[in-house]
Protein backbone atom coordinates (compact mmCIF):
# COMPACT_ATOMS: atom_id res chain seq x y z
CA UNK A 1 -24.29 17.72 10.28
CA UNK A 2 -23.56 15.60 13.49
CA UNK A 3 -24.42 11.98 10.50
CA UNK A 4 -21.70 14.00 8.16
CA UNK A 5 -18.59 14.50 11.08
CA UNK A 6 -19.43 11.04 12.59
CA UNK A 7 -18.84 9.72 8.64
CA UNK A 8 -16.36 11.48 8.38
CA UNK A 9 -14.27 10.20 11.79
CA UNK A 10 -15.18 7.12 10.69
CA UNK A 11 -13.63 7.00 7.44
CA UNK A 12 -10.22 8.70 9.08
CA UNK A 13 -10.80 6.06 11.69
CA UNK A 14 -10.44 3.61 9.31
CA UNK A 15 -7.45 5.07 6.89
CA UNK A 16 -5.79 5.18 10.33
CA UNK A 17 -6.35 1.78 10.84
CA UNK A 18 -5.31 0.62 7.60
CA UNK A 19 -2.32 2.37 8.31
CA UNK A 20 -1.76 0.61 11.99
CA UNK A 21 -2.09 -2.88 10.27
CA UNK A 22 0.84 -2.38 7.51
CA UNK A 23 2.80 -0.88 10.21
CA UNK A 24 2.07 -3.93 12.09
CA UNK A 25 2.42 -6.00 9.38
CA UNK A 26 5.48 -5.19 8.00
CA UNK A 27 7.68 -4.85 10.55
CA UNK A 28 6.65 -8.50 11.99
CA UNK A 29 7.06 -10.10 8.66
CA UNK A 30 10.80 -8.88 8.77
CA UNK A 31 11.37 -11.34 12.26
CA UNK A 32 10.52 -13.99 10.13
CA UNK A 33 13.88 -16.77 8.95
CA UNK A 34 11.96 -17.11 6.17
CA UNK A 35 9.72 -15.68 3.86
CA UNK A 36 6.95 -17.90 5.01
CA UNK A 37 7.56 -17.62 8.47
CA UNK A 38 7.67 -13.70 8.06
CA UNK A 39 4.22 -13.85 6.07
CA UNK A 40 3.04 -15.78 9.08
CA UNK A 41 3.92 -13.49 11.56
CA UNK A 42 2.48 -10.71 9.70
CA UNK A 43 -0.69 -12.26 9.80
CA UNK A 44 -0.63 -12.35 13.20
CA UNK A 45 0.23 -9.07 13.89
CA UNK A 46 -2.03 -7.68 11.08
CA UNK A 47 -5.08 -9.53 12.60
CA UNK A 48 -4.32 -9.00 16.39
CA UNK A 49 -4.20 -4.81 15.16
CA UNK A 50 -8.17 -5.30 14.03
CA UNK A 51 -9.09 -7.58 16.81
CA UNK A 52 -7.72 -4.75 18.91
CA UNK A 53 -9.99 -2.06 17.30
CA UNK A 54 -13.11 -4.68 17.29
CA UNK A 55 -12.84 -5.45 21.22
CA UNK A 56 -13.78 -2.09 22.36
CA UNK A 57 -17.34 -2.84 21.11
CA UNK A 58 -16.95 -6.16 23.02
CA UNK A 59 -16.02 -4.74 26.18
CA UNK A 60 -19.01 -2.40 26.36
CA UNK A 61 -21.58 -4.79 25.24
CA UNK A 62 -19.93 -7.26 27.80
CA UNK A 63 -20.12 -3.98 30.34
CA UNK A 64 -23.94 -2.85 29.59
CA UNK A 65 -25.23 -6.45 29.86
CA UNK A 66 -23.38 -6.96 33.24
CA UNK A 67 -21.49 -9.76 31.75
CA UNK A 68 -17.76 -8.93 33.81
CA UNK A 69 -16.39 -12.23 32.40
CA UNK A 70 -16.27 -10.19 29.17
CA UNK A 71 -15.69 -7.21 29.78
CA UNK A 72 -12.88 -7.29 31.92
CA UNK A 73 -10.94 -10.20 29.97
CA UNK A 74 -11.68 -8.71 27.17
CA UNK A 75 -10.02 -5.34 28.39
CA UNK A 76 -6.82 -7.21 29.35
CA UNK A 77 -6.34 -8.78 26.42
CA UNK A 78 -6.78 -5.19 24.35
CA UNK A 79 -4.12 -3.92 26.46
CA UNK A 80 -1.70 -6.40 25.94
CA UNK A 81 -2.66 -6.38 21.87
CA UNK A 82 -2.20 -2.17 22.18
CA UNK A 83 0.83 -2.05 23.74
CA UNK A 84 2.09 -4.81 21.47
CA UNK A 85 1.29 -2.93 18.48
CA UNK A 86 2.47 0.43 20.17
CA UNK A 87 5.86 -1.30 20.29
CA UNK A 88 5.85 -2.64 16.80
CA UNK A 89 4.79 0.75 15.49
CA UNK A 90 7.96 2.03 17.55
CA UNK A 91 9.69 -0.44 16.10
CA UNK A 92 8.54 -0.04 12.69
CA UNK A 93 9.13 3.87 13.01
CA UNK A 94 12.74 3.61 14.08
CA UNK A 95 13.32 1.17 11.51
CA UNK A 96 11.94 3.56 8.81
CA UNK A 97 13.64 6.84 10.13
CA UNK A 98 17.04 5.13 10.64
CA UNK A 99 16.95 4.25 6.94
CA UNK A 100 16.01 7.58 5.65
CA UNK A 101 18.67 8.85 8.14
CA UNK A 102 20.97 6.11 5.96
CA UNK A 103 19.98 6.54 2.90
CA UNK A 104 19.75 10.54 3.25
CA UNK A 105 23.79 10.38 4.56
CA UNK A 106 24.83 8.30 1.67
CA UNK A 107 23.64 11.11 -0.87
CA UNK A 108 25.13 13.53 1.19
CA UNK A 109 28.73 11.80 1.00
CA UNK A 110 27.68 10.76 -2.77
CA UNK A 111 27.02 14.81 -3.00
CA UNK A 112 30.74 16.14 -1.30
CA UNK A 113 32.37 13.33 -3.80
CA UNK A 114 30.88 14.41 -6.63
CA UNK A 115 31.69 18.37 -6.29
CA UNK A 116 35.23 17.17 -5.44
CA UNK A 117 35.56 15.32 -8.49
CA UNK A 118 34.42 18.32 -10.36
CA UNK A 119 36.15 20.44 -8.66
CA UNK A 120 39.26 18.47 -9.95
CA UNK A 121 38.18 18.42 -13.47
CA UNK A 122 37.80 22.03 -13.52
CA UNK A 123 41.03 22.17 -12.07
CA UNK A 124 42.63 19.60 -15.12
CA UNK A 125 40.63 21.79 -17.58
CA UNK A 126 41.95 25.11 -16.40
CA UNK A 127 45.35 24.08 -16.98
CA UNK A 128 45.05 22.97 -20.66
CA UNK A 129 46.72 25.93 -23.08
CA UNK A 130 43.74 27.23 -25.26
CA UNK A 131 43.65 25.28 -28.55
CA UNK A 132 41.67 24.75 -31.74
CA UNK A 133 39.04 22.49 -32.20
CA UNK A 134 39.84 18.67 -32.88
CA UNK A 135 39.24 18.67 -36.44
CA UNK A 136 40.83 22.12 -37.24
CA UNK A 137 43.98 20.68 -36.06
CA UNK A 138 43.34 16.91 -37.66
CA UNK A 139 42.88 19.23 -40.52
CA UNK A 140 46.52 20.76 -40.15
CA UNK A 141 48.09 18.35 -39.87
CA UNK A 142 47.03 16.51 -42.65
CA UNK A 143 48.11 19.32 -44.52
CA UNK A 144 52.01 19.13 -43.03
CA UNK A 145 52.20 15.68 -44.12
CA UNK A 146 51.68 16.67 -47.77
CA UNK A 147 54.95 18.46 -47.89
CA UNK A 148 57.56 16.76 -49.79
CA UNK A 149 59.60 16.88 -46.28
CA UNK A 150 57.12 14.49 -44.65
CA UNK A 151 58.50 11.34 -47.06
CA UNK A 152 62.17 12.70 -47.24
CA UNK A 153 62.13 12.47 -42.93
CA UNK A 154 60.25 8.75 -43.51
CA UNK A 155 57.25 10.82 -41.69
CA UNK A 156 59.74 12.92 -39.47
CA UNK A 157 61.72 9.98 -38.61
CA UNK A 158 64.67 11.27 -39.70
CA UNK A 159 65.60 14.67 -39.57
CA UNK A 160 69.04 15.81 -40.34
CA UNK A 161 69.06 18.94 -41.99
CA UNK A 162 67.38 22.82 -39.95
CA UNK A 163 64.37 23.01 -42.48
CA UNK A 164 63.74 19.17 -41.91
CA UNK A 165 64.08 19.84 -37.98
CA UNK A 166 61.83 22.89 -38.11
CA UNK A 167 59.38 21.04 -40.50
CA UNK A 168 58.79 18.23 -37.67
CA UNK A 169 58.99 20.33 -34.57
CA UNK A 170 55.86 22.07 -36.07
CA UNK A 171 54.71 18.43 -36.83
CA UNK A 172 55.31 17.45 -33.20
CA UNK A 173 53.58 20.38 -32.26
CA UNK A 174 50.42 20.12 -34.19
CA UNK A 175 50.34 16.79 -32.23
CA UNK A 176 50.65 17.91 -29.12
CA UNK A 177 47.72 20.30 -30.02
CA UNK A 178 45.80 17.57 -31.06
CA UNK A 179 46.40 15.40 -27.57
CA UNK A 180 45.47 18.49 -26.09
CA UNK A 181 42.04 18.76 -27.37
CA UNK A 182 41.17 15.21 -27.14
CA UNK A 183 42.02 15.40 -23.53
CA UNK A 184 39.55 18.58 -23.38
CA UNK A 185 36.92 17.08 -25.08
CA UNK A 186 36.87 14.39 -22.72
CA UNK A 187 37.15 16.55 -19.51
CA UNK A 188 34.25 18.64 -21.06
CA UNK A 189 32.56 15.48 -21.47
CA UNK A 190 33.31 14.14 -18.02
CA UNK A 191 32.45 17.54 -16.11
CA UNK A 192 29.35 17.73 -17.72
CA UNK A 193 28.43 14.42 -16.69
CA UNK A 194 29.41 15.10 -12.98
CA UNK A 195 26.97 18.33 -12.92
CA UNK A 196 23.84 15.85 -14.50
CA UNK A 197 24.81 13.34 -11.85
CA UNK A 198 25.17 16.24 -8.84
CA UNK A 199 21.72 17.29 -10.57
CA UNK A 200 20.01 14.65 -10.39
CA UNK A 201 21.00 13.52 -6.96
CA UNK A 202 19.78 16.72 -5.54
CA UNK A 203 16.76 15.80 -6.96
CA UNK A 204 16.29 12.88 -5.28
CA UNK A 205 17.47 13.82 -2.06
CA UNK A 206 15.45 12.64 0.62
CA UNK A 207 13.65 15.42 2.31
CA UNK A 208 13.68 15.21 5.92
CA UNK A 209 11.26 17.18 7.48
CA UNK A 210 11.24 15.55 10.93
CA UNK A 211 15.06 16.84 10.65
CA UNK A 212 14.14 20.08 10.09
CA UNK A 213 11.55 20.26 12.78
CA UNK A 214 13.89 18.79 15.51
CA UNK A 215 16.14 21.90 14.53
CA UNK A 216 13.50 24.11 15.40
CA UNK A 217 12.31 22.29 18.47
CA UNK A 218 15.70 21.81 19.95
CA UNK A 219 15.97 25.52 20.43
CA UNK A 220 12.67 25.38 22.68
CA UNK A 221 13.72 22.50 24.47
CA UNK A 222 16.55 21.67 26.48
CA UNK A 223 17.25 18.12 24.77
CA UNK A 224 19.61 16.57 22.46
CA UNK A 225 18.95 15.91 18.97
CA UNK A 226 18.90 12.10 19.32
CA UNK A 227 16.49 12.40 22.44
CA UNK A 228 14.18 14.55 20.52
CA UNK A 229 14.13 11.88 17.61
CA UNK A 230 13.49 9.42 20.14
CA UNK A 231 10.41 11.04 21.50
CA UNK A 232 8.98 12.00 17.80
CA UNK A 233 9.19 8.34 16.84
CA UNK A 234 7.21 7.45 19.95
CA UNK A 235 4.68 10.43 19.50
CA UNK A 236 4.37 8.85 15.73
CA UNK A 237 3.70 5.71 16.75
CA UNK A 238 1.29 6.37 19.55
CA UNK A 239 -0.98 8.87 17.42
CA UNK A 240 -1.32 6.12 14.99
CA UNK A 241 -2.13 3.37 17.78
CA UNK A 242 -4.20 5.06 19.47
CA UNK A 243 -6.28 6.38 16.47
CA UNK A 244 -6.28 2.00 15.21
CA UNK A 245 -7.32 0.97 18.68
CA UNK A 246 -10.38 3.91 19.68
CA UNK A 247 -11.32 5.61 17.00
CA UNK A 248 -13.41 3.55 14.87
CA UNK A 249 -15.29 2.61 18.88
CA UNK A 250 -15.66 6.12 19.01
CA UNK A 251 -16.92 7.20 15.66
CA UNK A 252 -19.93 4.20 15.84
CA UNK A 253 -20.16 4.31 19.60
CA UNK A 254 -21.69 8.23 19.18
CA UNK A 255 -23.68 7.23 16.48
CA UNK A 256 -25.09 4.53 18.57
CA UNK A 257 -26.29 6.83 21.20
CA UNK A 258 -27.78 9.46 18.74
CA UNK A 259 -30.08 6.10 17.62
CA UNK A 260 -31.04 5.18 21.54
CA UNK A 261 -31.66 9.04 21.92
CA UNK A 262 -34.15 9.40 19.19
CA UNK A 263 -35.76 5.60 19.78
CA UNK A 264 -36.52 7.45 23.48
CA UNK A 265 -37.50 10.28 21.93
CA UNK A 266 -39.70 8.51 19.45
CA UNK A 267 -40.41 4.85 20.83
CA UNK A 268 -42.24 2.70 18.37
CA UNK A 269 -45.96 1.57 19.04
CA UNK A 270 -47.04 -1.58 20.78
CA UNK A 271 -48.38 -4.38 17.95
CA UNK A 272 -51.96 -5.26 18.58
CA UNK A 273 -50.36 -9.11 17.84
CA UNK A 274 -47.66 -8.54 20.01
CA UNK A 275 -49.68 -7.82 22.92
CA UNK A 276 -52.16 -10.61 21.83
CA UNK A 277 -49.66 -12.91 22.24
CA UNK A 278 -48.16 -12.20 25.69
CA UNK A 279 -51.15 -11.06 27.78
CA UNK A 280 -54.33 -12.71 26.33
CA UNK A 281 -55.03 -16.94 26.43
CA UNK A 282 -57.78 -18.77 25.63
CA UNK A 283 -60.23 -19.78 28.20
CA UNK A 284 -63.35 -21.47 26.95
CA UNK A 285 -66.02 -19.43 29.06
CA UNK A 286 -63.93 -16.40 29.58
CA UNK A 287 -65.10 -12.80 28.09
CA UNK A 288 -63.43 -9.53 27.09
CA UNK A 289 -65.28 -6.11 26.48
CA UNK A 290 -63.20 -3.37 24.47
CA UNK A 291 -62.47 -1.58 27.86
CA UNK A 292 -60.62 -4.20 29.52
CA UNK A 293 -58.73 -4.94 26.47
CA UNK A 294 -57.88 -1.53 25.86
CA UNK A 295 -56.86 -1.45 29.76
CA UNK A 296 -54.84 -3.60 29.29
CA UNK A 297 -53.11 -3.24 26.25
CA UNK A 298 -51.83 0.53 28.10
CA UNK A 299 -50.55 -0.74 30.95
CA UNK A 300 -48.46 -3.63 28.74
CA UNK A 301 -47.27 -0.62 26.04
CA UNK A 302 -46.24 0.86 29.58
CA UNK A 303 -44.57 -1.77 30.80
CA UNK A 304 -42.44 -2.46 27.57
CA UNK A 305 -41.77 1.13 26.65
CA UNK A 306 -44.13 1.15 23.69
CA UNK A 307 -46.21 3.97 22.25
CA UNK A 308 -49.93 3.25 22.43
CA UNK A 309 -52.51 3.47 20.03
CA UNK A 310 -55.95 5.29 20.33
CA UNK A 311 -58.71 4.25 21.94
CA UNK A 312 -60.62 4.11 17.90
CA UNK A 313 -57.66 2.70 16.38
CA UNK A 314 -56.82 -0.20 19.25
CA UNK A 315 -60.59 -1.10 18.72
CA UNK A 316 -60.98 -0.96 14.90
CA UNK A 317 -57.62 -3.40 15.14
CA UNK A 318 -58.52 -5.40 17.64
CA UNK A 319 -61.50 -6.09 15.86
CA UNK A 320 -60.08 -6.90 12.63
CA UNK A 321 -57.51 -9.33 14.00
CA UNK A 322 -60.51 -11.11 15.99
CA UNK A 323 -61.97 -11.56 12.61
CA UNK A 324 -59.23 -13.20 11.51
CA UNK A 325 -58.30 -15.54 14.11
CA UNK A 326 -61.69 -16.50 14.59
CA UNK A 327 -62.19 -15.08 18.04
CA UNK A 328 -66.19 -14.55 18.46
CA UNK A 329 -67.79 -11.32 19.33
CA UNK A 330 -71.17 -10.76 21.71
CA UNK A 331 -72.76 -7.75 22.80
CA UNK A 332 -69.85 -5.95 22.42
CA UNK A 333 -67.89 -8.83 24.53
CA UNK A 334 -64.88 -10.84 23.11
CA UNK A 335 -65.88 -14.15 23.94
CA UNK A 336 -63.38 -17.40 25.29
CA UNK A 337 -60.16 -15.49 25.64
CA UNK A 338 -58.51 -13.65 29.23
CA UNK A 339 -55.78 -12.20 30.27
CA UNK A 340 -52.76 -13.57 31.59
């Protein structure tokens, strides 16, 4: 379970570190005069952010080895990189928040404008007289033009008698109704388009969760909306940068301590070969019996922190090694060697 939790912590730390790298890269790259300079600034920022996550390991290693010349400058550099990354993250968060607010305000203004225009068109539509459809009115006009008075009045341009006046009056009323039908159709189409735009604008409106959060916090804290917004922006940057600066070290250092505990609880067994290399020297007239070798082996294991083999196992292993390397044996004494 401890290993699973450590692995999850490592994965979360890497995600936060990656987010911090992108935030710092995007913010600093926006400061370049040209795209190439922007990429250079961004690359430097990303490298500094990665080094910031690795420096705690170097500082801890230097401190454990009592190398203050590494630990102290390393801590100062880490502090500098951490402050720089925090400022970059605050700048990125503030910049992003400003864009979100600006886009949200533009969308709200657009929605107000669309609602106003829709209301005006609906008012114009309601003012139009009741009318028949365009096709019906056109058919009525065609039938009206089949009358003999259409030609006698020269298309209702020279009406002279009462009947002709009535005939042309009906014709012009039909033309007015046709114009009204066309205008109504145009307004209906425009109203449908405005409604569609309004629905699309509402569905694509940026959801500003921080705005709702700040509104709720303002009921409990005696701070203005602008001050709360600044505090939340800084807290978000702190959240990212603290995770990116120390998350990786805390996750892996925990595993290292567990490994050290395991090593201390179950130390490795002292190897016969290492014992021989560290504790024996060749001597033409020298001789050591098995008990002297075993006691020396026990002292060496205790000094080096190794677990020792049992007596039988040691004597068997040393005898095999002596046979392999050509150490002569006589009456249970190994010849031509001595202890260091």
